[in-house]
């Protein structure tokens, strides 16, 4: 009888859990999703994105990772990519695992930033397992409105 909990170690995992938000380009402004086919195992990195008057602020939960294991990249068309990898726990021959809930593998999150993002001024810091990425906003000039005089002819 097989276990209903898949094994995450030594390639014994047979079914893959798919998180539709972990490999997409998420754009709240145009609702575009570009899901890529990745066969490697991955973990879910939970992200909060808030907008303040000064910036877009992303907070990403990456417990147990060092800043050297996480990357923040800006791609063309204002796409910000946050990625990393959590290594597998070393399994010793005499170990007996009773519960495996912590996941290992790669994660990739992509976000299409709005027009007002200053993509050349992005800052990132990591503290207590939380990566904070701050994308300052530039002032967007409001379109000029011209009144057109209506003639009788």
Protein backbone atom coordinates (compact mmCIF):
# COMPACT_ATOMS: atom_id res chain seq x y z
CA UNK A 1 0.00 0.00 0.00
CA UNK A 2 1.48 3.37 -0.96
CA UNK A 3 1.48 6.42 1.25
CA UNK A 4 -0.83 9.32 0.40
CA UNK A 5 1.99 11.71 1.38
CA UNK A 6 4.58 11.90 -1.44
CA UNK A 7 8.24 11.58 -0.57
CA UNK A 8 10.36 14.65 -1.32
CA UNK A 9 13.73 12.93 -0.95
CA UNK A 10 15.95 10.91 -3.28
CA UNK A 11 13.69 11.40 -6.29
CA UNK A 12 10.98 9.17 -4.80
CA UNK A 13 8.35 11.85 -5.21
CA UNK A 14 5.94 10.65 -7.88
CA UNK A 15 3.27 13.34 -8.10
CA UNK A 16 3.98 17.04 -8.53
CA UNK A 17 1.95 19.74 -6.85
CA UNK A 18 1.42 22.69 -9.17
CA UNK A 19 1.02 26.22 -7.85
CA UNK A 20 -0.27 28.32 -10.75
CA UNK A 21 1.10 31.51 -9.18
CA UNK A 22 4.69 30.40 -8.65
CA UNK A 23 5.87 30.45 -12.27
CA UNK A 24 3.77 33.19 -13.81
CA UNK A 25 4.12 36.80 -14.80
CA UNK A 26 1.44 38.35 -12.70
CA UNK A 27 0.14 41.64 -13.97
CA UNK A 28 -2.81 43.07 -12.05
CA UNK A 29 -3.19 45.82 -14.63
CA UNK A 30 -3.78 43.67 -17.71
CA UNK A 31 -4.35 40.20 -16.21
CA UNK A 32 -1.65 38.54 -18.32
CA UNK A 33 -0.31 35.18 -17.15
CA UNK A 34 2.60 33.51 -18.91
CA UNK A 35 3.04 30.10 -17.28
CA UNK A 36 6.26 28.33 -18.17
CA UNK A 37 6.82 24.59 -18.22
CA UNK A 38 9.35 23.69 -15.55
CA UNK A 39 10.08 20.09 -14.74
CA UNK A 40 12.34 20.75 -11.76
CA UNK A 41 10.83 20.66 -8.29
CA UNK A 42 9.96 24.00 -6.83
CA UNK A 43 8.71 25.51 -3.64
CA UNK A 44 6.12 28.18 -3.20
CA UNK A 45 7.33 31.61 -2.15
CA UNK A 46 4.43 33.64 -0.77
CA UNK A 47 4.48 37.29 -1.85
CA UNK A 48 2.65 40.39 -0.66
CA UNK A 49 2.63 43.39 -3.02
CA UNK A 50 1.45 46.72 -1.71
CA UNK A 51 1.52 50.14 -3.28
CA UNK A 52 2.26 53.22 -1.21
CA UNK A 53 2.28 56.81 -2.49
CA UNK A 54 6.08 56.53 -2.90
CA UNK A 55 6.73 52.93 -3.98
CA UNK A 56 5.64 49.39 -4.80
CA UNK A 57 6.75 47.14 -1.92
CA UNK A 58 7.08 43.36 -2.26
CA UNK A 59 7.54 41.12 0.78
CA UNK A 60 8.55 37.54 0.03
CA UNK A 61 8.68 34.75 2.61
CA UNK A 62 11.94 32.83 2.13
CA UNK A 63 12.56 31.17 5.52
CA UNK A 64 15.86 29.39 5.89
CA UNK A 65 17.45 30.98 2.81
CA UNK A 66 20.50 33.21 2.83
CA UNK A 67 20.57 36.36 0.72
CA UNK A 68 23.14 34.64 -1.54
CA UNK A 69 20.51 31.98 -2.38
CA UNK A 70 17.94 34.52 -3.63
CA UNK A 71 18.04 36.65 -6.81
CA UNK A 72 16.09 39.76 -7.77
CA UNK A 73 16.34 40.61 -11.48
CA UNK A 74 14.76 43.19 -13.76
CA UNK A 75 13.96 41.98 -17.28
CA UNK A 76 12.72 43.85 -20.34
CA UNK A 77 9.26 45.37 -20.31
CA UNK A 78 9.41 46.07 -16.55
CA UNK A 79 9.25 42.40 -15.50
CA UNK A 80 10.77 41.80 -12.07
CA UNK A 81 11.82 38.23 -11.30
CA UNK A 82 12.46 36.91 -7.79
CA UNK A 83 13.99 33.43 -7.69
CA UNK A 84 15.96 31.10 -5.46
CA UNK A 85 16.48 27.55 -4.39
CA UNK A 86 16.12 25.71 -1.11
CA UNK A 87 18.49 22.74 -0.98
CA UNK A 88 17.36 19.29 0.07
CA UNK A 89 18.03 18.20 3.61
CA UNK A 90 20.83 15.66 3.68
CA UNK A 91 19.37 12.23 4.29
CA UNK A 92 21.50 9.83 6.28
CA UNK A 93 21.13 6.08 5.88
CA UNK A 94 20.09 5.54 9.51
CA UNK A 95 17.55 8.38 9.56
CA UNK A 96 13.85 7.63 9.93
CA UNK A 97 11.60 10.40 8.64
CA UNK A 98 8.20 10.66 10.34
CA UNK A 99 6.95 13.84 8.71
CA UNK A 100 8.17 15.85 5.71
CA UNK A 101 6.37 19.16 5.19
CA UNK A 102 9.22 21.56 4.40
CA UNK A 103 9.76 21.69 0.66
CA UNK A 104 13.00 21.94 -1.25
CA UNK A 105 13.63 23.05 -4.79
CA UNK A 106 13.47 26.15 -6.94
CA UNK A 107 11.00 28.98 -6.88
CA UNK A 108 10.43 31.71 -9.45
CA UNK A 109 7.97 34.59 -9.16
CA UNK A 110 7.59 37.21 -11.92
CA UNK A 111 5.71 40.49 -11.76
CA UNK A 112 4.99 42.98 -14.53
CA UNK A 113 5.53 46.37 -12.94
CA UNK A 114 3.33 49.34 -13.85
CA UNK A 115 4.46 52.30 -15.96
CA UNK A 116 5.21 54.40 -12.89
CA UNK A 117 7.92 52.03 -11.58
CA UNK A 118 11.48 53.35 -11.42
CA UNK A 119 13.08 50.07 -12.49
CA UNK A 120 16.61 51.53 -12.24
CA UNK A 121 16.19 52.35 -8.53
CA UNK A 122 15.04 49.01 -7.07
CA UNK A 123 16.33 48.13 -3.59
CA UNK A 124 16.20 44.77 -1.83
CA UNK A 125 16.96 43.68 1.72
CA UNK A 126 16.53 40.46 3.62
CA UNK A 127 15.78 40.18 7.31
CA UNK A 128 14.45 37.29 9.42
CA UNK A 129 13.50 35.15 6.40
CA UNK A 130 11.62 37.96 4.63
CA UNK A 131 12.92 39.56 1.44
CA UNK A 132 11.66 43.13 0.98
CA UNK A 133 11.95 44.62 -2.50
CA UNK A 134 11.14 48.31 -2.86
CA UNK A 135 10.46 49.75 -6.30
CA UNK A 136 10.17 53.56 -6.14
CA UNK A 137 7.49 55.26 -8.19
CA UNK A 138 7.95 58.15 -10.57
CA UNK A 139 5.40 60.87 -10.94
CA UNK A 140 3.24 60.28 -13.96
CA UNK A 141 2.27 63.44 -15.75
CA UNK A 142 -1.47 63.70 -16.18
CA UNK A 143 -2.52 64.04 -19.79
CA UNK A 144 -3.14 67.61 -20.85
CA UNK A 145 -6.73 68.41 -21.67
CA UNK A 146 -7.42 70.96 -24.40
CA UNK A 147 -10.80 72.48 -24.86
CA UNK A 148 -11.91 72.69 -28.47
CA UNK A 149 -14.11 75.59 -29.43
CA UNK A 150 -17.24 74.46 -31.21
CA UNK A 151 -18.25 76.64 -34.11
CA UNK A 152 -21.67 77.06 -35.69
CA UNK A 153 -20.41 75.93 -39.09
